[in-house]
Amino acid sequence: PLIADKKWALENMYKKIVLLLATISLLSLPSISEATTVSRQLVKDYSFEDNSGYWDGDGDWRSTLFHAKTGSWYAELWPEEDDIMSVTQRVKVPKKIKSLKFSFWYQFNSVDYESISDDFCSVEIGNDFYDSWHPGDEETFGWEKYVTQLPIKKYKGKTVDIEFTCITDYSLDTWLQVDNVKLKAKVKK
């Protein structure tokens, strides 16, 4: 009887170990949703290195004057007084997406601290404003990251423009530098 009890205990322990190992291996497998999606970067030449025509801009907007976030180049919107400068890329968003994340690195600066200043810089996707920066309270001292999740229903299957714009009034300078512009879609396989 003592040997039978030990045999039963060993068999029971063996079953528990097998069950535990099976559970651990299932936990390490990707979920069904992860296995059926793939992440895609939709913005071409996102770091402005290629200058291959994916971005369309006003004037001389590519720069290496300061340090880029990555690589050598970045977009610099530094319009003349009482002017507008922008850079745009048209992007096709797939129909079968599970998520859509928009991000970029930026530096915003101005020497126009007048309370009546009309200067500002902004980013839009389609006809939707996502952020804007105004002199006096939003200058950056180095690169800062902007990240947001976009509403899937609004953009899936559409072609949209990603546009950065900087507008100055009649007085002092305001400028925006942008790098690593990404629109990442989790696409259903």
N, C-alpha and C. Protein backbone atom coordinates (compact mmCIF):
# COMPACT_ATOMS: atom_id res chain seq x y z
N PRO A 1 0.80 -1.20 0.00
CA PRO A 1 0.00 0.00 0.00
C PRO A 1 0.86 1.28 0.00
N LEU A 2 1.99 1.27 0.69
CA LEU A 2 2.84 2.44 0.73
C LEU A 2 3.41 2.76 -0.65
N ILE A 3 3.81 1.75 -1.38
CA ILE A 3 4.35 1.94 -2.73
C ILE A 3 3.25 2.47 -3.66
N ALA A 4 2.03 1.97 -3.52
CA ALA A 4 0.91 2.43 -4.35
C ALA A 4 0.64 3.91 -4.09
N ASP A 5 0.72 4.33 -2.81
CA ASP A 5 0.50 5.74 -2.49
C ASP A 5 1.59 6.62 -3.11
N LYS A 6 2.84 6.16 -3.06
CA LYS A 6 3.94 6.92 -3.66
C LYS A 6 3.78 7.00 -5.18
N LYS A 7 3.35 5.86 -5.77
CA LYS A 7 3.14 5.84 -7.22
C LYS A 7 2.03 6.82 -7.62
N TRP A 8 0.94 6.80 -6.84
CA TRP A 8 -0.17 7.72 -7.13
C TRP A 8 0.28 9.18 -6.98
N ALA A 9 1.06 9.49 -5.94
CA ALA A 9 1.56 10.84 -5.70
C ALA A 9 2.48 11.29 -6.83
N LEU A 10 3.35 10.40 -7.29
CA LEU A 10 4.25 10.73 -8.40
C LEU A 10 3.46 10.97 -9.70
N GLU A 11 2.48 10.12 -9.98
CA GLU A 11 1.66 10.31 -11.18
C GLU A 11 0.88 11.62 -11.11
N ASN A 12 0.34 11.92 -9.94
CA ASN A 12 -0.40 13.17 -9.75
C ASN A 12 0.53 14.38 -9.93
N MET A 13 1.74 14.33 -9.38
CA MET A 13 2.71 15.41 -9.53
C MET A 13 3.12 15.55 -11.00
N TYR A 14 3.32 14.42 -11.67
CA TYR A 14 3.67 14.44 -13.10
C TYR A 14 2.58 15.13 -13.92
N LYS A 15 1.32 14.81 -13.66
CA LYS A 15 0.20 15.44 -14.37
C LYS A 15 0.18 16.95 -14.14
N LYS A 16 0.44 17.37 -12.89
CA LYS A 16 0.45 18.81 -12.58
C LYS A 16 1.59 19.53 -13.31
N ILE A 17 2.75 18.87 -13.37
CA ILE A 17 3.89 19.46 -14.08
C ILE A 17 3.58 19.59 -15.57
N VAL A 18 3.01 18.56 -16.16
CA VAL A 18 2.64 18.61 -17.59
C VAL A 18 1.63 19.72 -17.83
N LEU A 19 0.63 19.84 -16.96
CA LEU A 19 -0.38 20.90 -17.09
C LEU A 19 0.26 22.28 -16.95
N LEU A 20 1.17 22.44 -16.01
CA LEU A 20 1.86 23.71 -15.81
C LEU A 20 2.70 24.07 -17.04
N LEU A 21 3.45 23.12 -17.59
CA LEU A 21 4.26 23.38 -18.78
C LEU A 21 3.39 23.73 -19.98
N ALA A 22 2.27 23.06 -20.12
CA ALA A 22 1.35 23.37 -21.23
C ALA A 22 0.80 24.79 -21.08
N THR A 23 0.46 25.20 -19.87
CA THR A 23 -0.04 26.55 -19.62
C THR A 23 1.02 27.58 -19.94
N ILE A 24 2.25 27.34 -19.51
CA ILE A 24 3.35 28.27 -19.78
C ILE A 24 3.57 28.41 -21.28
N SER A 25 3.54 27.32 -22.01
CA SER A 25 3.77 27.40 -23.46
C SER A 25 2.64 28.13 -24.14
N LEU A 26 1.40 28.01 -23.67
CA LEU A 26 0.28 28.75 -24.25
C LEU A 26 0.41 30.24 -23.98
N LEU A 27 0.89 30.60 -22.80
CA LEU A 27 1.06 32.01 -22.46
C LEU A 27 2.11 32.68 -23.33
N SER A 28 3.09 31.93 -23.78
CA SER A 28 4.15 32.53 -24.58
C SER A 28 3.78 32.63 -26.06
N LEU A 29 2.67 32.02 -26.47
CA LEU A 29 2.23 32.13 -27.86
C LEU A 29 1.58 33.48 -28.09
N PRO A 30 1.70 34.05 -29.30
CA PRO A 30 1.01 35.31 -29.56
C PRO A 30 -0.49 35.08 -29.54
N SER A 31 -1.22 36.13 -29.14
CA SER A 31 -2.67 36.01 -29.14
C SER A 31 -3.16 35.92 -30.58
N ILE A 32 -4.39 35.51 -30.75
CA ILE A 32 -4.96 35.38 -32.09
C ILE A 32 -4.94 36.73 -32.80
N SER A 33 -5.26 37.82 -32.07
CA SER A 33 -5.26 39.12 -32.73
C SER A 33 -3.84 39.54 -33.12
N GLU A 34 -2.82 39.20 -32.29
CA GLU A 34 -1.45 39.54 -32.65
C GLU A 34 -0.99 38.72 -33.85
N ALA A 35 -1.41 37.49 -33.92
CA ALA A 35 -0.98 36.61 -35.00
C ALA A 35 -1.63 36.99 -36.33
N THR A 36 -2.73 37.74 -36.28
CA THR A 36 -3.44 38.08 -37.52
C THR A 36 -3.26 39.54 -37.92
N THR A 37 -2.34 40.26 -37.26
CA THR A 37 -2.07 41.64 -37.64
C THR A 37 -0.58 41.84 -37.86
N VAL A 38 -0.27 42.86 -38.64
CA VAL A 38 1.11 43.24 -38.87
C VAL A 38 1.18 44.77 -38.81
N SER A 39 2.26 45.31 -38.26
CA SER A 39 2.42 46.75 -38.15
C SER A 39 3.05 47.29 -39.44
N ARG A 40 2.45 48.35 -40.00
CA ARG A 40 2.99 48.97 -41.23
C ARG A 40 3.18 50.46 -41.03
N GLN A 41 4.33 50.95 -41.45
CA GLN A 41 4.62 52.38 -41.45
C GLN A 41 4.09 52.93 -42.77
N LEU A 42 3.19 53.90 -42.71
CA LEU A 42 2.53 54.41 -43.91
C LEU A 42 3.22 55.64 -44.51
N VAL A 43 4.01 56.35 -43.72
CA VAL A 43 4.70 57.56 -44.20
C VAL A 43 5.99 57.16 -44.89
N LYS A 44 6.17 57.62 -46.11
CA LYS A 44 7.42 57.37 -46.85
C LYS A 44 8.43 58.46 -46.48
N ASP A 45 9.70 58.11 -46.45
CA ASP A 45 10.78 59.05 -46.12
C ASP A 45 10.44 59.82 -44.85
N TYR A 46 10.10 59.08 -43.79
CA TYR A 46 9.63 59.70 -42.55
C TYR A 46 10.69 60.56 -41.86
N SER A 47 11.97 60.35 -42.17
CA SER A 47 13.01 61.16 -41.53
C SER A 47 13.64 62.18 -42.49
N PHE A 48 13.00 62.39 -43.64
CA PHE A 48 13.39 63.43 -44.60
C PHE A 48 14.77 63.22 -45.20
N GLU A 49 15.28 62.00 -45.18
CA GLU A 49 16.63 61.72 -45.68
C GLU A 49 16.68 61.58 -47.20
N ASP A 50 15.64 61.01 -47.82
CA ASP A 50 15.69 60.66 -49.24
C ASP A 50 15.51 61.83 -50.20
N ASN A 51 14.67 62.79 -49.84
CA ASN A 51 14.29 63.88 -50.74
C ASN A 51 13.83 63.33 -52.08
N SER A 52 13.03 62.28 -52.02
CA SER A 52 12.60 61.60 -53.24
C SER A 52 11.20 61.98 -53.70
N GLY A 53 10.69 63.08 -53.23
CA GLY A 53 9.41 63.57 -53.73
C GLY A 53 8.19 63.12 -52.95
N TYR A 54 8.37 62.38 -51.86
CA TYR A 54 7.22 61.99 -51.06
C TYR A 54 6.63 63.18 -50.31
N TRP A 55 7.49 64.09 -49.87
CA TRP A 55 7.05 65.30 -49.17
C TRP A 55 6.98 66.46 -50.16
N ASP A 56 5.96 67.27 -50.04
CA ASP A 56 5.81 68.45 -50.88
C ASP A 56 5.80 69.66 -49.97
N GLY A 57 6.65 70.63 -50.25
CA GLY A 57 6.72 71.79 -49.37
C GLY A 57 6.94 73.08 -50.10
N ASP A 58 6.74 74.17 -49.35
CA ASP A 58 6.95 75.52 -49.86
C ASP A 58 8.40 75.92 -49.60
N GLY A 59 9.10 76.33 -50.63
CA GLY A 59 10.45 76.84 -50.45
C GLY A 59 11.45 75.78 -50.06
N ASP A 60 12.51 76.22 -49.42
CA ASP A 60 13.62 75.36 -49.01
C ASP A 60 13.37 74.87 -47.58
N TRP A 61 12.65 73.80 -47.43
CA TRP A 61 12.21 73.34 -46.11
C TRP A 61 13.06 72.23 -45.53
N ARG A 62 13.92 71.57 -46.31
CA ARG A 62 14.80 70.53 -45.76
C ARG A 62 16.05 71.19 -45.18
N SER A 63 16.47 70.73 -44.02
CA SER A 63 17.60 71.40 -43.39
C SER A 63 18.52 70.43 -42.66
N THR A 64 19.78 70.85 -42.53
CA THR A 64 20.75 70.17 -41.67
C THR A 64 21.44 71.19 -40.77
N LEU A 65 20.85 72.38 -40.66
CA LEU A 65 21.46 73.47 -39.91
C LEU A 65 21.73 73.07 -38.45
N PHE A 66 20.74 72.47 -37.80
CA PHE A 66 20.90 71.98 -36.43
C PHE A 66 20.93 70.47 -36.49
N HIS A 67 21.05 69.82 -35.35
CA HIS A 67 21.08 68.36 -35.31
C HIS A 67 19.68 67.79 -35.51
N ALA A 68 19.55 66.87 -36.46
CA ALA A 68 18.28 66.17 -36.67
C ALA A 68 18.08 65.18 -35.52
N LYS A 69 16.83 64.76 -35.32
CA LYS A 69 16.57 63.74 -34.29
C LYS A 69 17.28 62.44 -34.67
N THR A 70 17.15 62.03 -35.94
CA THR A 70 17.91 60.89 -36.46
C THR A 70 18.40 61.25 -37.85
N GLY A 71 19.46 60.66 -38.28
CA GLY A 71 19.99 60.96 -39.60
C GLY A 71 20.56 62.37 -39.66
N SER A 72 20.55 62.94 -40.85
CA SER A 72 21.12 64.27 -41.05
C SER A 72 20.09 65.34 -41.34
N TRP A 73 18.93 64.95 -41.89
CA TRP A 73 17.95 65.91 -42.38
C TRP A 73 16.70 65.95 -41.52
N TYR A 74 16.00 67.07 -41.56
CA TYR A 74 14.70 67.23 -40.93
C TYR A 74 13.96 68.32 -41.70
N ALA A 75 12.67 68.43 -41.46
CA ALA A 75 11.89 69.51 -42.09
C ALA A 75 11.96 70.72 -41.17
N GLU A 76 12.22 71.87 -41.78
CA GLU A 76 12.26 73.11 -41.00
C GLU A 76 11.35 74.13 -41.66
N LEU A 77 10.32 74.51 -40.94
CA LEU A 77 9.37 75.51 -41.42
C LEU A 77 9.71 76.82 -40.72
N TRP A 78 10.37 77.72 -41.47
CA TRP A 78 10.83 78.99 -40.93
C TRP A 78 10.45 80.07 -41.94
N PRO A 79 9.16 80.44 -41.96
CA PRO A 79 8.70 81.39 -42.98
C PRO A 79 9.21 82.80 -42.76
N GLU A 80 9.23 83.55 -43.85
CA GLU A 80 9.56 84.98 -43.78
C GLU A 80 8.45 85.69 -43.01
N GLU A 81 8.66 86.96 -42.70
CA GLU A 81 7.62 87.72 -42.00
C GLU A 81 6.34 87.78 -42.82
N ASP A 82 5.21 87.67 -42.14
CA ASP A 82 3.88 87.73 -42.75
C ASP A 82 3.75 86.71 -43.89
N ASP A 83 4.06 85.45 -43.57
CA ASP A 83 4.08 84.41 -44.59
C ASP A 83 3.60 83.08 -44.00
N ILE A 84 3.39 82.11 -44.88
CA ILE A 84 2.99 80.76 -44.50
C ILE A 84 3.96 79.79 -45.15
N MET A 85 4.37 78.76 -44.41
CA MET A 85 5.23 77.72 -44.96
C MET A 85 4.68 76.37 -44.49
N SER A 86 4.63 75.39 -45.40
CA SER A 86 4.10 74.09 -45.00
C SER A 86 4.82 72.97 -45.73
N VAL A 87 4.68 71.76 -45.19
CA VAL A 87 5.20 70.56 -45.82
C VAL A 87 4.12 69.48 -45.64
N THR A 88 3.87 68.73 -46.73
CA THR A 88 2.74 67.79 -46.76
C THR A 88 3.14 66.48 -47.40
N GLN A 89 2.54 65.40 -46.90
CA GLN A 89 2.65 64.11 -47.57
C GLN A 89 1.26 63.47 -47.62
N ARG A 90 0.91 62.98 -48.79
CA ARG A 90 -0.35 62.27 -48.99
C ARG A 90 -0.13 60.79 -48.67
N VAL A 91 -1.00 60.23 -47.82
CA VAL A 91 -0.84 58.87 -47.32
C VAL A 91 -2.15 58.10 -47.52
N LYS A 92 -2.02 56.86 -47.99
CA LYS A 92 -3.18 55.96 -48.15
C LYS A 92 -3.27 55.08 -46.91
N VAL A 93 -4.41 55.15 -46.22
CA VAL A 93 -4.64 54.33 -45.04
C VAL A 93 -5.40 53.07 -45.47
N PRO A 94 -4.90 51.89 -45.13
CA PRO A 94 -5.58 50.65 -45.52
C PRO A 94 -6.99 50.55 -44.93
N LYS A 95 -7.82 49.75 -45.56
CA LYS A 95 -9.20 49.55 -45.08
C LYS A 95 -9.25 48.66 -43.84
N LYS A 96 -8.44 47.61 -43.83
CA LYS A 96 -8.49 46.62 -42.75
C LYS A 96 -7.45 46.93 -41.68
N ILE A 97 -7.77 47.90 -40.82
CA ILE A 97 -6.83 48.25 -39.76
C ILE A 97 -7.46 48.02 -38.40
N LYS A 98 -6.60 47.72 -37.44
CA LYS A 98 -7.05 47.53 -36.05
C LYS A 98 -6.69 48.74 -35.18
N SER A 99 -5.62 49.45 -35.56
CA SER A 99 -5.24 50.66 -34.83
C SER A 99 -4.42 51.55 -35.75
N LEU A 100 -4.34 52.83 -35.38
CA LEU A 100 -3.62 53.81 -36.19
C LEU A 100 -2.96 54.80 -35.23
N LYS A 101 -1.61 54.80 -35.20
CA LYS A 101 -0.86 55.66 -34.29
C LYS A 101 -0.04 56.66 -35.08
N PHE A 102 -0.17 57.94 -34.72
CA PHE A 102 0.55 59.03 -35.37
C PHE A 102 1.57 59.58 -34.38
N SER A 103 2.83 59.73 -34.84
CA SER A 103 3.86 60.28 -33.97
C SER A 103 4.89 61.05 -34.78
N PHE A 104 5.56 61.96 -34.12
CA PHE A 104 6.67 62.70 -34.73
C PHE A 104 7.45 63.39 -33.62
N TRP A 105 8.66 63.80 -33.95
CA TRP A 105 9.51 64.59 -33.05
C TRP A 105 9.50 66.02 -33.57
N TYR A 106 9.52 67.00 -32.66
CA TYR A 106 9.47 68.40 -33.09
C TYR A 106 10.23 69.30 -32.14
N GLN A 107 10.59 70.47 -32.68
CA GLN A 107 11.11 71.58 -31.89
C GLN A 107 10.36 72.81 -32.36
N PHE A 108 9.83 73.57 -31.43
CA PHE A 108 9.09 74.79 -31.75
C PHE A 108 9.75 75.95 -31.02
N ASN A 109 10.02 77.02 -31.76
CA ASN A 109 10.65 78.19 -31.16
C ASN A 109 10.13 79.46 -31.80
N SER A 110 10.25 80.54 -31.04
CA SER A 110 9.83 81.84 -31.53
C SER A 110 10.58 82.93 -30.79
N VAL A 111 10.78 84.04 -31.46
CA VAL A 111 11.30 85.24 -30.80
C VAL A 111 10.23 86.32 -30.79
N ASP A 112 9.01 85.94 -31.14
CA ASP A 112 7.87 86.86 -31.20
C ASP A 112 7.00 86.65 -29.97
N TYR A 113 7.30 87.40 -28.92
CA TYR A 113 6.58 87.22 -27.66
C TYR A 113 5.50 88.28 -27.44
N GLU A 114 5.15 89.00 -28.48
CA GLU A 114 4.13 90.04 -28.33
C GLU A 114 2.78 89.40 -28.03
N SER A 115 2.00 90.04 -27.20
CA SER A 115 0.68 89.50 -26.84
C SER A 115 -0.27 89.53 -28.03
N ILE A 116 0.04 90.33 -29.03
CA ILE A 116 -0.84 90.40 -30.21
C ILE A 116 -0.30 89.57 -31.38
N SER A 117 0.68 88.73 -31.12
CA SER A 117 1.28 87.92 -32.18
C SER A 117 0.26 86.96 -32.77
N ASP A 118 0.25 86.89 -34.09
CA ASP A 118 -0.61 85.94 -34.79
C ASP A 118 0.16 84.72 -35.25
N ASP A 119 1.41 84.59 -34.84
CA ASP A 119 2.23 83.45 -35.25
C ASP A 119 1.70 82.15 -34.65
N PHE A 120 1.77 81.08 -35.41
CA PHE A 120 1.52 79.75 -34.86
C PHE A 120 1.95 78.70 -35.86
N CYS A 121 2.18 77.50 -35.35
CA CYS A 121 2.49 76.34 -36.19
C CYS A 121 1.50 75.24 -35.81
N SER A 122 1.22 74.36 -36.77
CA SER A 122 0.22 73.33 -36.51
C SER A 122 0.51 72.06 -37.30
N VAL A 123 -0.20 70.99 -36.90
CA VAL A 123 -0.17 69.74 -37.65
C VAL A 123 -1.62 69.32 -37.87
N GLU A 124 -1.90 68.91 -39.12
CA GLU A 124 -3.23 68.44 -39.49
C GLU A 124 -3.12 67.10 -40.21
N ILE A 125 -4.16 66.29 -40.06
CA ILE A 125 -4.32 65.09 -40.87
C ILE A 125 -5.70 65.20 -41.49
N GLY A 126 -5.73 65.15 -42.83
CA GLY A 126 -7.00 65.43 -43.51
C GLY A 126 -7.37 66.87 -43.21
N ASN A 127 -8.57 67.09 -42.72
CA ASN A 127 -8.99 68.44 -42.33
C ASN A 127 -9.05 68.59 -40.82
N ASP A 128 -8.40 67.70 -40.10
CA ASP A 128 -8.47 67.70 -38.64
C ASP A 128 -7.19 68.24 -38.03
N PHE A 129 -7.32 69.28 -37.19
CA PHE A 129 -6.19 69.80 -36.43
C PHE A 129 -5.86 68.81 -35.34
N TYR A 130 -4.58 68.48 -35.16
CA TYR A 130 -4.18 67.62 -34.06
C TYR A 130 -3.42 68.37 -33.00
N ASP A 131 -2.71 69.40 -33.36
CA ASP A 131 -2.05 70.21 -32.36
C ASP A 131 -1.61 71.52 -33.00
N SER A 132 -1.38 72.51 -32.16
CA SER A 132 -0.82 73.79 -32.63
C SER A 132 0.05 74.35 -31.52
N TRP A 133 1.01 75.17 -31.93
CA TRP A 133 1.96 75.76 -31.00
C TRP A 133 1.95 77.26 -31.22
N HIS A 134 2.00 78.02 -30.11
CA HIS A 134 1.94 79.48 -30.16
C HIS A 134 3.11 80.07 -29.39
N PRO A 135 3.64 81.22 -29.84
CA PRO A 135 4.77 81.85 -29.15
C PRO A 135 4.44 82.23 -27.72
N GLY A 136 5.49 82.19 -26.89
CA GLY A 136 5.35 82.67 -25.53
C GLY A 136 5.10 81.61 -24.48
N ASP A 137 4.48 80.50 -24.87
CA ASP A 137 4.18 79.52 -23.83
C ASP A 137 4.45 78.07 -24.23
N GLU A 138 4.93 77.84 -25.43
CA GLU A 138 5.08 76.45 -25.85
C GLU A 138 6.40 76.14 -26.54
N GLU A 139 7.41 76.98 -26.35
CA GLU A 139 8.70 76.71 -26.98
C GLU A 139 9.32 75.46 -26.38
N THR A 140 10.08 74.77 -27.19
CA THR A 140 10.78 73.57 -26.71
C THR A 140 12.27 73.88 -26.66
N PHE A 141 12.95 73.17 -25.83
CA PHE A 141 14.40 73.32 -25.72
C PHE A 141 15.00 71.95 -26.00
N GLY A 142 14.97 71.58 -27.25
CA GLY A 142 15.38 70.25 -27.67
C GLY A 142 14.18 69.53 -28.28
N TRP A 143 14.44 68.35 -28.80
CA TRP A 143 13.40 67.57 -29.48
C TRP A 143 12.40 67.03 -28.47
N GLU A 144 11.12 67.12 -28.80
CA GLU A 144 10.05 66.54 -27.99
C GLU A 144 9.22 65.63 -28.88
N LYS A 145 8.66 64.59 -28.27
CA LYS A 145 7.87 63.62 -29.04
C LYS A 145 6.37 63.89 -28.89
N TYR A 146 5.68 63.78 -30.01
CA TYR A 146 4.22 63.89 -30.04
C TYR A 146 3.68 62.53 -30.48
N VAL A 147 2.72 61.98 -29.73
CA VAL A 147 2.13 60.68 -30.06
C VAL A 147 0.63 60.75 -29.79
N THR A 148 -0.17 60.22 -30.72
CA THR A 148 -1.61 60.11 -30.50
C THR A 148 -2.17 58.93 -31.29
N GLN A 149 -3.20 58.33 -30.75
CA GLN A 149 -3.95 57.30 -31.47
C GLN A 149 -5.02 58.01 -32.28
N LEU A 150 -5.18 57.63 -33.54
CA LEU A 150 -6.18 58.26 -34.39
C LEU A 150 -7.44 57.39 -34.46
N PRO A 151 -8.61 58.02 -34.66
CA PRO A 151 -9.84 57.24 -34.77
C PRO A 151 -9.85 56.42 -36.06
N ILE A 152 -9.97 55.11 -35.92
CA ILE A 152 -9.88 54.20 -37.06
C ILE A 152 -10.98 54.46 -38.08
N LYS A 153 -12.21 54.58 -37.61
CA LYS A 153 -13.36 54.72 -38.52
C LYS A 153 -13.23 55.95 -39.41
N LYS A 154 -12.62 56.99 -38.88
CA LYS A 154 -12.50 58.25 -39.62
C LYS A 154 -11.53 58.16 -40.81
N TYR A 155 -10.49 57.31 -40.68
CA TYR A 155 -9.43 57.31 -41.68
C TYR A 155 -9.29 56.03 -42.50
N LYS A 156 -9.88 54.92 -42.05
CA LYS A 156 -9.64 53.66 -42.75
C LYS A 156 -10.13 53.73 -44.20
N GLY A 157 -9.26 53.27 -45.10
CA GLY A 157 -9.57 53.24 -46.52
C GLY A 157 -9.50 54.58 -47.22
N LYS A 158 -9.04 55.62 -46.53
CA LYS A 158 -9.00 56.96 -47.13
C LYS A 158 -7.56 57.39 -47.43
N THR A 159 -7.44 58.31 -48.34
CA THR A 159 -6.17 58.97 -48.62
C THR A 159 -6.23 60.32 -47.94
N VAL A 160 -5.25 60.59 -47.07
CA VAL A 160 -5.25 61.83 -46.30
C VAL A 160 -3.90 62.53 -46.43
N ASP A 161 -3.91 63.82 -46.21
CA ASP A 161 -2.68 64.60 -46.18
C ASP A 161 -2.24 64.81 -44.74
N ILE A 162 -0.96 64.55 -44.48
CA ILE A 162 -0.35 64.94 -43.22
C ILE A 162 0.36 66.26 -43.52
N GLU A 163 -0.04 67.32 -42.82
CA GLU A 163 0.50 68.64 -43.14
C GLU A 163 0.96 69.37 -41.89
N PHE A 164 2.19 69.86 -41.96
CA PHE A 164 2.76 70.73 -40.93
C PHE A 164 2.80 72.13 -41.53
N THR A 165 2.32 73.12 -40.76
CA THR A 165 2.24 74.50 -41.25
C THR A 165 2.78 75.45 -40.19
N CYS A 166 3.44 76.50 -40.65
CA CYS A 166 3.90 77.56 -39.76
C CYS A 166 3.51 78.89 -40.38
N ILE A 167 2.87 79.75 -39.59
CA ILE A 167 2.37 81.04 -40.07
C ILE A 167 2.98 82.14 -39.20
N THR A 168 3.49 83.18 -39.86
CA THR A 168 4.05 84.31 -39.11
C THR A 168 3.31 85.59 -39.47
N ASP A 169 3.33 86.53 -38.55
CA ASP A 169 2.75 87.85 -38.82
C ASP A 169 3.84 88.80 -39.32
N TYR A 170 3.60 90.05 -39.20
CA TYR A 170 4.49 91.07 -39.75
C TYR A 170 5.76 91.31 -38.93
N SER A 171 5.86 90.69 -37.74
CA SER A 171 7.02 91.04 -36.90
C SER A 171 8.05 89.91 -36.83
N LEU A 172 8.36 89.40 -35.68
CA LEU A 172 9.51 88.53 -35.46
C LEU A 172 9.26 87.07 -35.85
N ASP A 173 10.35 86.28 -35.89
CA ASP A 173 10.31 84.90 -36.40
C ASP A 173 9.70 83.89 -35.44
N THR A 174 9.05 82.90 -36.05
CA THR A 174 8.56 81.71 -35.38
C THR A 174 8.86 80.55 -36.30
N TRP A 175 9.30 79.40 -35.75
CA TRP A 175 9.65 78.29 -36.62
C TRP A 175 9.37 76.95 -35.95
N LEU A 176 9.24 75.92 -36.80
CA LEU A 176 8.96 74.56 -36.36
C LEU A 176 9.90 73.61 -37.10
N GLN A 177 10.53 72.72 -36.35
CA GLN A 177 11.37 71.68 -36.95
C GLN A 177 10.72 70.33 -36.64
N VAL A 178 10.67 69.46 -37.65
CA VAL A 178 9.96 68.18 -37.53
C VAL A 178 10.85 67.06 -38.06
N ASP A 179 10.82 65.90 -37.39
CA ASP A 179 11.58 64.73 -37.82
C ASP A 179 10.83 63.47 -37.41
N ASN A 180 11.16 62.37 -38.06
CA ASN A 180 10.60 61.05 -37.74
C ASN A 180 9.08 61.04 -37.69
N VAL A 181 8.45 61.47 -38.76
CA VAL A 181 6.99 61.49 -38.84
C VAL A 181 6.51 60.09 -39.18
N LYS A 182 5.70 59.51 -38.29
CA LYS A 182 5.25 58.13 -38.50
C LYS A 182 3.74 58.03 -38.35
N LEU A 183 3.16 57.27 -39.25
CA LEU A 183 1.75 56.88 -39.15
C LEU A 183 1.76 55.37 -39.25
N LYS A 184 1.61 54.71 -38.11
CA LYS A 184 1.71 53.24 -38.06
C LYS A 184 0.33 52.64 -37.93
N ALA A 185 0.06 51.70 -38.82
CA ALA A 185 -1.22 51.00 -38.80
C ALA A 185 -1.00 49.55 -38.44
N LYS A 186 -1.79 49.04 -37.53
CA LYS A 186 -1.85 47.58 -37.32
C LYS A 186 -2.86 47.09 -38.34
N VAL A 187 -2.38 46.33 -39.32
CA VAL A 187 -3.19 45.91 -40.45
C VAL A 187 -3.57 44.45 -40.29
N LYS A 188 -4.85 44.15 -40.51
CA LYS A 188 -5.31 42.77 -40.46
C LYS A 188 -4.75 42.02 -41.66
N LYS A 189 -4.23 40.80 -41.39
CA LYS A 189 -3.67 39.98 -42.47
C LYS A 189 -4.78 39.40 -43.33
